[in-house]
């Protein structure tokens, strides 16, 4: 499942860093905090590895 926006990709990267122990979990905020708690390492890797080119800054709500 690729990220739909740059913000989602960046939040997944922060959550993945915390899950790997590269960043403190207490430093996470908002979406990255909930992603870290609810998603597996594999899911986070998939979102974080999405290319940013051509993605909107934020996903528009339909």
N, C-alpha and C. Protein backbone atom coordinates (compact mmCIF):
# COMPACT_ATOMS: atom_id res chain seq x y z
N UNK A 1 0.85 -1.17 0.00
CA UNK A 1 0.00 0.00 0.00
C UNK A 1 0.90 1.24 0.00
N UNK A 2 1.02 1.92 -1.10
CA UNK A 2 1.87 3.11 -1.17
C UNK A 2 1.22 4.31 -0.46
N UNK A 3 2.06 5.22 0.00
CA UNK A 3 1.56 6.44 0.64
C UNK A 3 0.81 7.29 -0.39
N UNK A 4 -0.23 7.98 0.07
CA UNK A 4 -1.03 8.81 -0.82
C UNK A 4 -0.55 10.26 -0.85
N UNK A 5 0.30 10.65 0.11
CA UNK A 5 0.79 12.02 0.16
C UNK A 5 2.18 12.06 0.78
N UNK A 6 2.84 13.20 0.61
CA UNK A 6 4.16 13.39 1.21
C UNK A 6 4.07 13.34 2.73
N UNK A 7 3.03 13.91 3.27
CA UNK A 7 2.85 13.93 4.73
C UNK A 7 2.71 12.52 5.29
N UNK A 8 1.95 11.69 4.61
CA UNK A 8 1.75 10.31 5.05
C UNK A 8 3.07 9.54 4.98
N UNK A 9 3.85 9.77 3.94
CA UNK A 9 5.12 9.10 3.76
C UNK A 9 6.10 9.51 4.86
N UNK A 10 6.12 10.79 5.19
CA UNK A 10 7.02 11.29 6.22
C UNK A 10 6.61 10.79 7.61
N UNK A 11 5.32 10.74 7.89
CA UNK A 11 4.83 10.23 9.17
C UNK A 11 5.19 8.75 9.33
N UNK A 12 5.07 8.00 8.25
CA UNK A 12 5.43 6.58 8.28
C UNK A 12 6.93 6.42 8.54
N UNK A 13 7.74 7.28 7.96
CA UNK A 13 9.18 7.23 8.19
C UNK A 13 9.53 7.50 9.63
N UNK A 14 8.88 8.46 10.25
CA UNK A 14 9.12 8.77 11.65
C UNK A 14 8.69 7.60 12.55
N UNK A 15 7.53 7.03 12.24
CA UNK A 15 7.03 5.89 13.01
C UNK A 15 7.96 4.69 12.87
N UNK A 16 8.47 4.47 11.68
CA UNK A 16 9.39 3.36 11.44
C UNK A 16 10.68 3.56 12.22
N UNK A 17 11.19 4.77 12.25
CA UNK A 17 12.41 5.06 13.00
C UNK A 17 12.22 4.76 14.48
N UNK A 18 11.05 5.09 15.01
CA UNK A 18 10.76 4.80 16.42
C UNK A 18 10.64 3.29 16.65
N UNK A 19 10.01 2.60 15.73
CA UNK A 19 9.86 1.15 15.87
C UNK A 19 11.21 0.44 15.82
N UNK A 20 12.14 0.98 15.04
CA UNK A 20 13.49 0.41 14.94
C UNK A 20 14.37 0.81 16.11
N UNK A 21 13.94 1.80 16.91
CA UNK A 21 14.73 2.26 18.04
C UNK A 21 15.69 3.39 17.68
N UNK A 22 15.55 3.95 16.48
CA UNK A 22 16.41 5.04 16.04
C UNK A 22 15.92 6.39 16.55
N UNK A 23 14.69 6.43 17.03
CA UNK A 23 14.07 7.65 17.52
C UNK A 23 13.23 7.28 18.74
N UNK A 24 13.12 8.19 19.70
CA UNK A 24 12.33 7.92 20.89
C UNK A 24 10.84 7.97 20.56
N UNK A 25 10.09 7.02 21.10
CA UNK A 25 8.65 6.99 20.86
C UNK A 25 7.98 8.23 21.43
N UNK A 26 8.55 8.80 22.49
CA UNK A 26 7.98 10.00 23.10
C UNK A 26 8.09 11.23 22.21
N UNK A 27 8.94 11.18 21.18
CA UNK A 27 9.11 12.30 20.26
C UNK A 27 8.06 12.30 19.15
N UNK A 28 7.32 11.21 19.01
CA UNK A 28 6.31 11.12 17.94
C UNK A 28 5.08 11.95 18.29
N UNK A 29 4.46 12.49 17.24
CA UNK A 29 3.24 13.29 17.40
C UNK A 29 2.22 12.90 16.35
N UNK A 30 0.97 13.10 16.66
CA UNK A 30 -0.11 12.93 15.69
C UNK A 30 -0.15 11.59 14.98
N UNK A 31 -0.17 11.65 13.65
CA UNK A 31 -0.33 10.46 12.82
C UNK A 31 0.81 9.47 13.01
N UNK A 32 2.03 9.98 13.15
CA UNK A 32 3.16 9.05 13.29
C UNK A 32 3.06 8.25 14.58
N UNK A 33 2.52 8.86 15.63
CA UNK A 33 2.36 8.17 16.91
C UNK A 33 1.35 7.03 16.78
N UNK A 34 0.22 7.30 16.14
CA UNK A 34 -0.79 6.25 15.98
C UNK A 34 -0.34 5.19 14.99
N UNK A 35 0.41 5.59 13.95
CA UNK A 35 0.95 4.61 12.99
C UNK A 35 1.90 3.65 13.69
N UNK A 36 2.76 4.16 14.54
CA UNK A 36 3.75 3.33 15.23
C UNK A 36 3.06 2.28 16.09
N UNK A 37 1.96 2.67 16.72
CA UNK A 37 1.25 1.76 17.61
C UNK A 37 0.41 0.72 16.86
N UNK A 38 -0.14 1.11 15.71
CA UNK A 38 -1.11 0.25 15.05
C UNK A 38 -0.61 -0.53 13.84
N UNK A 39 0.55 -0.16 13.31
CA UNK A 39 1.03 -0.80 12.08
C UNK A 39 2.27 -1.65 12.32
N UNK A 40 2.43 -2.67 11.51
CA UNK A 40 3.60 -3.53 11.61
C UNK A 40 4.81 -2.84 10.97
N UNK A 41 5.98 -3.35 11.26
CA UNK A 41 7.21 -2.81 10.70
C UNK A 41 7.19 -2.90 9.17
N UNK A 42 6.67 -4.01 8.65
CA UNK A 42 6.61 -4.22 7.20
C UNK A 42 5.68 -3.19 6.54
N UNK A 43 4.52 -2.94 7.15
CA UNK A 43 3.58 -1.95 6.60
C UNK A 43 4.21 -0.55 6.60
N UNK A 44 4.91 -0.22 7.68
CA UNK A 44 5.55 1.09 7.76
C UNK A 44 6.66 1.23 6.73
N UNK A 45 7.42 0.15 6.53
CA UNK A 45 8.49 0.18 5.52
C UNK A 45 7.91 0.43 4.13
N UNK A 46 6.77 -0.18 3.86
CA UNK A 46 6.11 -0.02 2.56
C UNK A 46 5.67 1.43 2.34
N UNK A 47 5.05 2.03 3.36
CA UNK A 47 4.61 3.41 3.25
C UNK A 47 5.79 4.38 3.17
N UNK A 48 6.79 4.16 3.99
CA UNK A 48 7.93 5.07 4.05
C UNK A 48 8.78 5.03 2.79
N UNK A 49 8.78 3.90 2.09
CA UNK A 49 9.62 3.77 0.90
C UNK A 49 8.97 4.32 -0.36
N UNK A 50 7.73 4.80 -0.26
CA UNK A 50 7.03 5.37 -1.41
C UNK A 50 7.78 6.59 -1.93
N UNK A 51 7.91 6.69 -3.23
CA UNK A 51 8.54 7.85 -3.85
C UNK A 51 7.65 9.07 -3.64
N UNK A 52 8.25 10.22 -3.36
CA UNK A 52 7.49 11.44 -3.12
C UNK A 52 7.13 12.19 -4.39
N UNK A 53 7.87 11.95 -5.45
CA UNK A 53 7.65 12.70 -6.69
C UNK A 53 6.21 12.51 -7.19
N UNK A 54 5.55 13.62 -7.45
CA UNK A 54 4.19 13.58 -7.97
C UNK A 54 3.11 13.43 -6.92
N UNK A 55 3.49 13.36 -5.65
CA UNK A 55 2.51 13.22 -4.57
C UNK A 55 2.11 14.62 -4.08
N UNK A 56 0.84 14.79 -3.71
CA UNK A 56 0.44 16.07 -3.11
C UNK A 56 1.01 16.18 -1.70
N UNK A 57 1.14 17.41 -1.20
CA UNK A 57 1.66 17.60 0.15
C UNK A 57 0.76 16.90 1.18
N UNK A 58 -0.55 17.07 1.01
CA UNK A 58 -1.53 16.42 1.88
C UNK A 58 -2.56 15.73 0.99
N UNK A 59 -3.10 14.61 1.46
CA UNK A 59 -4.14 13.91 0.71
C UNK A 59 -5.44 14.67 0.85
N UNK A 60 -6.09 14.97 -0.25
CA UNK A 60 -7.36 15.70 -0.19
C UNK A 60 -8.47 14.75 0.21
N UNK A 61 -9.37 15.24 1.04
CA UNK A 61 -10.51 14.42 1.48
C UNK A 61 -11.60 14.53 0.41
N UNK A 62 -12.16 13.39 0.04
CA UNK A 62 -13.22 13.38 -0.99
C UNK A 62 -14.57 13.57 -0.38
